[in-house]
Protein backbone atom coordinates (compact mmCIF):
# COMPACT_ATOMS: atom_id res chain seq x y z
CA MET A 1 27.16 -67.91 29.93
CA SER A 2 27.31 -66.61 33.28
CA ILE A 3 25.59 -63.92 35.56
CA ASN A 4 27.87 -61.10 36.05
CA ASN A 5 27.10 -58.80 38.95
CA SER A 6 30.57 -57.01 38.74
CA LYS A 7 30.16 -52.98 38.71
CA SER A 8 32.61 -50.36 37.60
CA SER A 9 31.78 -46.44 38.44
CA SER A 10 32.86 -45.22 35.19
CA ASP A 11 30.59 -43.13 33.15
CA CYS A 12 30.44 -42.96 29.11
CA GLY A 13 30.39 -39.34 28.26
CA CYS A 14 32.41 -40.86 24.86
CA SER A 15 33.78 -37.48 24.07
CA SER A 16 37.05 -39.41 22.79
CA GLY A 17 35.33 -42.42 21.57
CA ASN A 18 37.23 -44.38 23.91
CA CYS A 19 34.86 -44.58 26.50
CA GLN A 20 35.57 -48.47 27.69
CA PRO A 21 37.56 -51.20 26.15
CA ASN A 22 36.56 -53.57 23.39
CA PRO A 23 33.79 -56.61 23.93
CA SER A 24 35.36 -59.83 22.99
CA ARG A 25 34.05 -63.52 23.20
CA ARG A 26 31.21 -65.55 24.92
CA GLN A 27 30.04 -62.55 26.49
CA PHE A 28 28.21 -58.54 26.50
CA PHE A 29 28.83 -56.66 29.44
CA SER A 30 27.96 -55.15 32.33
CA ARG A 31 28.88 -52.00 34.78
CA GLY A 32 27.68 -49.69 37.12
CA ALA A 33 26.34 -46.06 36.50
CA GLN A 34 26.23 -43.33 38.96
CA SER A 35 23.00 -41.83 37.14
CA ILE A 36 20.49 -42.61 35.24
CA ALA A 37 19.67 -39.85 31.82
CA ALA A 38 16.31 -39.53 30.64
CA ILE A 39 15.73 -42.08 27.62
CA GLY A 40 15.08 -40.68 24.42
CA VAL A 41 15.38 -37.33 23.71
CA ALA A 42 14.92 -33.67 24.44
CA VAL A 43 12.20 -33.16 26.69
CA GLN A 44 9.68 -31.10 24.60
CA THR A 45 6.82 -28.68 25.86
CA GLY A 46 4.31 -31.13 25.35
CA ALA A 47 2.30 -32.91 22.50
CA ASN A 48 0.41 -29.64 21.32
CA ALA A 49 3.51 -27.58 21.06
CA ASN A 50 5.39 -30.24 19.38
CA ALA A 51 2.58 -31.07 17.13
CA ALA A 52 2.58 -27.12 16.00
CA LYS A 53 6.37 -26.80 15.14
CA PRO A 54 6.82 -26.67 11.54
CA LYS A 55 8.37 -29.95 10.17
CA PRO A 56 10.74 -30.52 6.73
CA ALA A 57 8.18 -31.84 4.19
CA GLY A 58 7.27 -35.70 4.43
CA TRP A 59 7.51 -35.57 8.15
CA ARG A 60 4.36 -37.52 9.93
CA THR A 61 3.72 -35.80 13.21
CA THR A 62 2.66 -38.46 15.96
CA GLY A 63 1.30 -35.68 18.09
CA LEU A 64 3.48 -37.12 21.15
CA GLY A 65 5.20 -34.85 23.26
CA GLN A 66 8.31 -37.02 23.62
CA THR A 67 9.15 -39.96 21.41
CA ARG A 68 11.74 -42.58 22.81
CA ASP A 69 11.17 -45.64 20.61
CA MET A 70 9.59 -47.54 17.56
CA ALA A 71 8.87 -50.99 15.77
CA VAL A 72 7.23 -51.56 12.54
CA VAL A 73 5.18 -54.69 11.96
CA ASN A 74 2.15 -55.75 10.21
CA GLY A 75 2.64 -52.49 8.14
CA LEU A 76 2.25 -50.71 10.95
CA VAL A 77 4.30 -47.99 12.76
CA TYR A 78 4.35 -48.61 16.64
CA VAL A 79 5.50 -45.16 18.47
CA ALA A 80 6.55 -45.11 22.10
CA GLY A 81 6.33 -41.87 24.24
CA ASP A 82 4.76 -39.91 27.04
CA SER A 83 2.86 -42.88 28.97
CA THR A 84 1.25 -44.13 25.45
CA VAL A 85 2.06 -46.70 22.74
CA ALA A 86 0.45 -44.85 19.72
CA VAL A 87 0.05 -47.13 16.69
CA PHE A 88 0.19 -45.40 13.00
CA LYS A 89 -0.56 -46.14 9.54
CA PRO A 90 2.53 -45.42 6.97
CA SER A 91 0.71 -42.25 5.85
CA GLY A 92 0.60 -40.79 9.62
CA GLU A 93 -3.05 -41.73 10.30
CA LEU A 94 -3.77 -42.66 14.27
CA VAL A 95 -4.56 -46.38 14.34
CA ARG A 96 -4.70 -46.65 17.95
CA LYS A 97 -3.35 -45.59 21.17
CA ILE A 98 -2.30 -47.85 24.11
CA GLU A 99 -2.11 -46.06 27.66
CA PHE A 100 0.28 -47.16 30.81
CA ASN A 101 0.36 -45.73 33.90
CA HIS A 102 4.26 -45.71 33.51
CA SER A 103 6.12 -44.22 30.58
CA PRO A 104 7.15 -46.65 28.18
CA ARG A 105 10.84 -46.14 27.16
CA CYS A 106 11.60 -49.11 24.59
CA LEU A 107 9.15 -51.47 22.50
CA ALA A 108 9.35 -54.44 20.38
CA VAL A 109 6.64 -56.01 18.31
CA THR A 110 5.54 -59.67 16.57
CA LYS A 111 2.86 -60.28 15.06
CA ARG A 112 0.69 -61.39 18.15
CA GLN A 113 2.48 -59.71 21.12
CA MET A 114 4.05 -56.61 22.08
CA VAL A 115 6.75 -56.04 24.82
CA VAL A 116 7.25 -52.76 26.35
CA GLY A 117 10.47 -51.93 28.38
CA PHE A 118 9.85 -49.25 31.16
CA ARG A 119 12.96 -47.64 33.09
CA ASP A 120 13.47 -50.95 35.16
CA ARG A 121 11.33 -53.59 33.90
CA ALA A 122 9.84 -55.37 30.66
CA TRP A 123 6.04 -56.16 29.74
CA ILE A 124 4.74 -59.07 27.57
CA CYS A 125 1.88 -58.06 26.30
CA ASP A 126 -0.98 -58.72 23.92
CA LEU A 127 -1.29 -56.24 20.83
CA ASP A 128 -3.88 -54.13 22.77
CA GLY A 129 -1.51 -53.90 25.58
CA LYS A 130 -2.82 -56.16 27.97
CA PRO A 131 -0.05 -57.61 30.19
CA LEU A 132 0.54 -61.02 30.01
CA ALA A 133 3.54 -61.17 32.18
CA LYS A 134 6.11 -58.70 33.80
CA THR A 135 9.65 -59.44 34.35
CA LYS A 136 11.08 -58.75 38.13
CA ARG A 137 13.21 -55.68 38.49
CA LEU A 138 16.25 -55.82 36.87
CA ALA A 139 18.38 -53.34 38.47
CA LYS A 140 18.70 -50.73 40.76
CA GLU A 141 20.44 -48.64 37.99
CA ALA A 142 18.28 -50.07 35.14
CA ALA A 143 17.61 -47.67 32.30
CA LEU A 144 16.07 -49.76 29.36
CA THR A 145 16.78 -48.29 26.13
CA SER A 146 15.94 -51.17 23.61
CA LEU A 147 14.29 -54.19 22.96
CA ALA A 148 14.66 -57.26 20.80
CA ILE A 149 12.43 -60.66 20.71
CA ALA A 150 14.64 -64.00 19.38
CA GLY A 151 13.53 -66.52 16.89
CA ASP A 152 12.28 -68.62 19.70
CA GLY A 153 10.30 -66.18 21.74
CA SER A 154 13.23 -64.97 23.73
CA ILE A 155 13.73 -61.33 24.72
CA TYR A 156 16.71 -59.13 24.85
CA ALA A 157 16.83 -56.35 26.83
CA ALA A 158 19.30 -53.30 26.42
CA ASP A 159 20.43 -51.47 29.72
CA GLY A 160 22.00 -48.73 29.37
CA GLY A 161 21.96 -47.88 33.09
CA SER A 162 23.62 -50.97 33.79
CA SER A 163 25.50 -51.21 30.47
CA ALA A 164 24.08 -54.89 30.17
CA ILE A 165 22.01 -56.92 27.97
CA TRP A 166 19.25 -59.10 29.95
CA HIS A 167 17.98 -62.38 28.05
CA ILE A 168 14.55 -62.78 29.17
CA ASP A 169 12.32 -65.97 28.18
CA SER A 170 8.97 -65.71 26.70
CA SER A 171 7.41 -66.03 30.34
CA GLY A 172 9.23 -62.82 31.66
CA VAL A 173 11.77 -65.03 33.57
CA VAL A 174 15.26 -63.65 33.64
CA LEU A 175 17.80 -65.91 32.50
CA GLU A 176 20.70 -64.36 32.32
CA GLN A 177 22.76 -60.55 32.32
CA LEU A 178 24.72 -60.94 29.59
CA ALA A 179 28.02 -59.30 30.37
CA GLY A 180 31.32 -58.10 27.88
CA GLY A 181 34.38 -59.08 27.19
CA LYS A 182 37.47 -57.34 28.54
CA GLY A 183 36.86 -55.92 32.03
CA GLY A 184 32.89 -56.44 31.31
CA ARG A 185 32.38 -53.21 29.95
CA PHE A 186 30.40 -51.89 26.71
CA ALA A 187 31.34 -48.10 25.39
CA VAL A 188 27.32 -46.69 25.48
CA PRO A 189 25.44 -44.05 26.58
CA LYS A 190 22.67 -44.19 29.21
CA SER A 191 20.30 -43.25 26.91
CA PHE A 192 20.65 -44.94 23.93
CA PHE A 193 21.65 -48.39 23.16
CA PRO A 194 20.55 -49.90 20.13
CA ILE A 195 19.67 -53.68 19.42
CA THR A 196 18.08 -55.91 17.08
CA TRP A 197 17.35 -59.50 16.16
CA ALA A 198 17.45 -60.60 12.72
CA GLY A 199 17.73 -64.07 11.16
CA ASP A 200 19.38 -66.06 13.69
CA SER A 201 21.54 -63.05 15.38
CA LEU A 202 21.44 -60.38 17.84
CA PHE A 203 22.83 -56.98 16.67
CA VAL A 204 24.38 -54.36 18.36
CA ALA A 205 25.20 -50.91 17.52
CA HIS A 206 28.11 -50.08 20.03
CA PRO A 207 28.08 -46.25 19.48
CA GLY A 208 31.22 -45.69 22.02
CA ARG A 209 33.38 -47.67 19.56
CA HIS A 210 31.59 -46.70 16.16
CA ARG A 211 30.74 -49.87 15.07
CA VAL A 212 27.89 -52.83 14.62
CA GLU A 213 28.90 -55.95 15.72
CA ARG A 214 26.87 -59.41 15.70
CA TYR A 215 26.02 -62.29 18.31
CA ASP A 216 24.69 -65.49 18.65
CA ALA A 217 22.04 -66.50 21.08
CA ASP A 218 24.78 -67.43 23.63
CA GLY A 219 26.22 -64.08 23.53
CA GLU A 220 29.70 -64.63 21.29
CA LEU A 221 30.11 -62.18 19.38
CA LYS A 222 30.64 -63.62 15.88
CA SER A 223 31.48 -60.59 13.42
CA ARG A 224 31.87 -56.47 13.84
CA TRP A 225 32.38 -53.93 11.53
CA GLY A 226 32.83 -50.09 11.36
CA LYS A 227 35.38 -47.10 12.62
CA ARG A 228 35.40 -43.88 13.39
CA THR A 229 36.11 -41.65 10.72
CA ARG A 230 34.88 -38.31 9.21
CA GLY A 231 34.38 -39.34 6.11
CA LEU A 232 30.63 -41.09 4.82
CA ASP A 233 32.24 -44.78 4.90
CA GLY A 234 31.84 -44.99 8.99
CA PHE A 235 30.93 -43.00 11.68
CA THR A 236 31.89 -39.68 13.07
CA GLY A 237 31.23 -37.90 16.20
CA CYS A 238 31.23 -39.03 19.99
CA CYS A 239 28.40 -41.82 19.73
CA ASN A 240 27.53 -43.45 16.72
CA PRO A 241 25.49 -45.11 15.29
CA VAL A 242 22.64 -44.52 17.44
CA SER A 243 20.24 -47.02 15.78
CA VAL A 244 20.25 -49.98 13.32
CA ALA A 245 18.22 -52.24 11.11
CA VAL A 246 18.61 -55.51 9.08
CA THR A 247 17.52 -56.05 5.77
CA ASP A 248 16.17 -59.68 4.78
CA SER A 249 19.19 -59.67 2.76
CA GLY A 250 21.75 -58.95 5.43
CA GLU A 251 22.36 -55.30 4.43
CA PHE A 252 22.55 -52.85 7.31
CA VAL A 253 20.72 -49.49 7.53
CA THR A 254 22.13 -47.28 10.10
CA ALA A 255 21.00 -43.75 11.63
CA GLU A 256 23.65 -41.18 12.89
CA ARG A 257 23.11 -38.32 15.45
CA GLY A 258 25.02 -34.69 15.47
CA GLN A 259 25.04 -34.64 11.59
CA PRO A 260 21.70 -36.72 11.23
CA ARG A 261 22.02 -39.16 8.63
CA ILE A 262 20.76 -42.69 7.20
CA LYS A 263 23.02 -44.97 5.39
CA LEU A 264 23.38 -48.23 3.99
CA PHE A 265 25.96 -50.62 4.19
CA ASP A 266 26.23 -54.02 2.80
CA ARG A 267 27.00 -57.15 4.76
CA ASP A 268 30.34 -56.83 4.92
CA GLY A 269 29.90 -53.00 6.45
CA LYS A 270 31.20 -51.53 2.84
CA LEU A 271 29.29 -48.37 2.34
CA GLN A 272 26.34 -48.25 -0.43
CA THR A 273 24.82 -45.09 -0.08
CA VAL A 274 23.26 -42.50 1.78
CA ILE A 275 19.57 -43.08 1.95
CA ALA A 276 18.89 -39.56 3.82
CA GLU A 277 21.31 -36.53 4.08
CA PRO A 278 21.15 -33.74 7.06
CA GLU A 279 19.38 -31.63 4.37
CA ALA A 280 15.98 -34.23 4.98
CA PHE A 281 16.05 -33.72 9.12
CA ASP A 282 15.38 -30.47 11.19
CA THR A 283 18.80 -29.44 11.33
CA THR A 284 18.44 -26.75 13.29
CA GLU A 285 16.51 -28.78 16.05
CA HIS A 286 19.14 -31.37 15.96
CA GLU A 287 21.71 -28.70 16.56
CA ARG A 288 19.85 -27.38 19.45
CA VAL A 289 19.39 -30.36 21.19
CA ASP A 290 23.26 -31.29 20.91
CA THR A 291 24.12 -28.23 22.18
CA ASP A 292 21.79 -27.76 25.05
CA ALA A 293 23.49 -28.31 28.27
CA GLU A 294 21.36 -30.96 29.31
CA LEU A 295 21.66 -33.27 26.69
CA VAL A 296 25.39 -32.89 26.02
CA THR A 297 27.49 -36.12 26.62
CA CYS A 298 25.85 -38.07 24.33
CA GLN A 299 22.36 -38.27 25.95
CA ASN A 300 20.67 -37.85 22.70
CA GLY A 301 19.84 -40.72 20.17
CA GLY A 302 18.07 -38.63 18.01
CA ILE A 303 16.82 -41.08 15.31
CA GLU A 304 15.38 -44.79 15.19
CA VAL A 305 15.36 -46.75 12.06
CA ALA A 306 12.65 -49.70 11.09
CA LEU A 307 12.29 -51.14 7.84
CA LEU A 308 8.66 -51.77 5.66
CA ASP A 309 9.24 -53.79 2.66
CA ARG A 310 11.51 -51.66 0.51
CA GLN A 311 11.73 -48.58 2.83
CA VAL A 312 13.37 -46.79 5.64
CA VAL A 313 10.57 -45.85 8.39
CA ALA A 314 12.73 -42.76 10.33
CA LEU A 315 11.71 -41.54 13.91
CA ASP A 316 12.79 -38.13 14.98
CA HIS A 317 12.67 -37.89 18.45
CA THR A 318 13.81 -34.32 18.04
CA ILE A 319 10.66 -33.32 16.23
CA ALA A 320 8.27 -36.51 17.43
CA ALA A 321 7.40 -37.34 13.82
CA PHE A 322 8.56 -40.05 11.19
CA ARG A 323 9.40 -40.21 7.62
CA LEU A 324 9.45 -43.02 4.97
CA PHE A 325 12.58 -42.99 2.93
CA ASP A 326 13.03 -45.56 -0.17
CA LEU A 327 15.89 -48.23 0.89
CA ALA A 328 17.92 -47.62 -2.55
């Protein structure tokens, strides 16, 4: 792998689904950006107003004004939002809040530590939020959106601002900026660029290409699946999927924006079932943020998914609440 410092001025509105060329072998991606969109979703009017909104059945409110990311570990749900990482029991009961001086935009959690991503850097913390190590500023245009912790403890940080994935060691030292195939570009919006680690691989949801890709630890593309279609067996809209989780048996759980859905695919990317239809969500709220002039052109990811035993935990950013669905 080599560090890629090349830049491009193109933006990813993804209105046609053909934002950027396909990635290929060996590297991920790197391109410049002209502006940085707010990470997450619609700016809410505050925690109290958000909590007061009626929720569809089964949703547990976080009490936060704006949520941005979620991780599930040790039977607890960690939610990044406002200037806080809030920790909940699956029932919705608040366990504790960890306050920061900056707004956390993404996080990843293991049994012993937590990595918190801010706009342009990441902190490696203990589970109480005490910093153990901090990265340097990753890039001027950086906008971190998602984190993944590999089996060796190293960290991958998805950066929607520069369309790059940063590889960071367990002490916070930046190892490489992984860059992608032809043209060094990846079709991702600035505000959501989902990654997760499972087994021995890094899984990347490639929203502008409507697929999920698997890379090894060196950044080499190993497999990919998915297609753009109005059918349920693929992904529709300008930028989907917006989140991905991988089960112990290698199945994929994906979330979609626009017409919100959660689906289960097998190891080869064949649709198994729809876990949650649009009716399970506040479709009025999703439609509102999807048509808001300040949030169009794919700047609203909408939903995060994670796994808790045989259940899917879904965090809906539009209502700052989470819910559990049976996996199948």
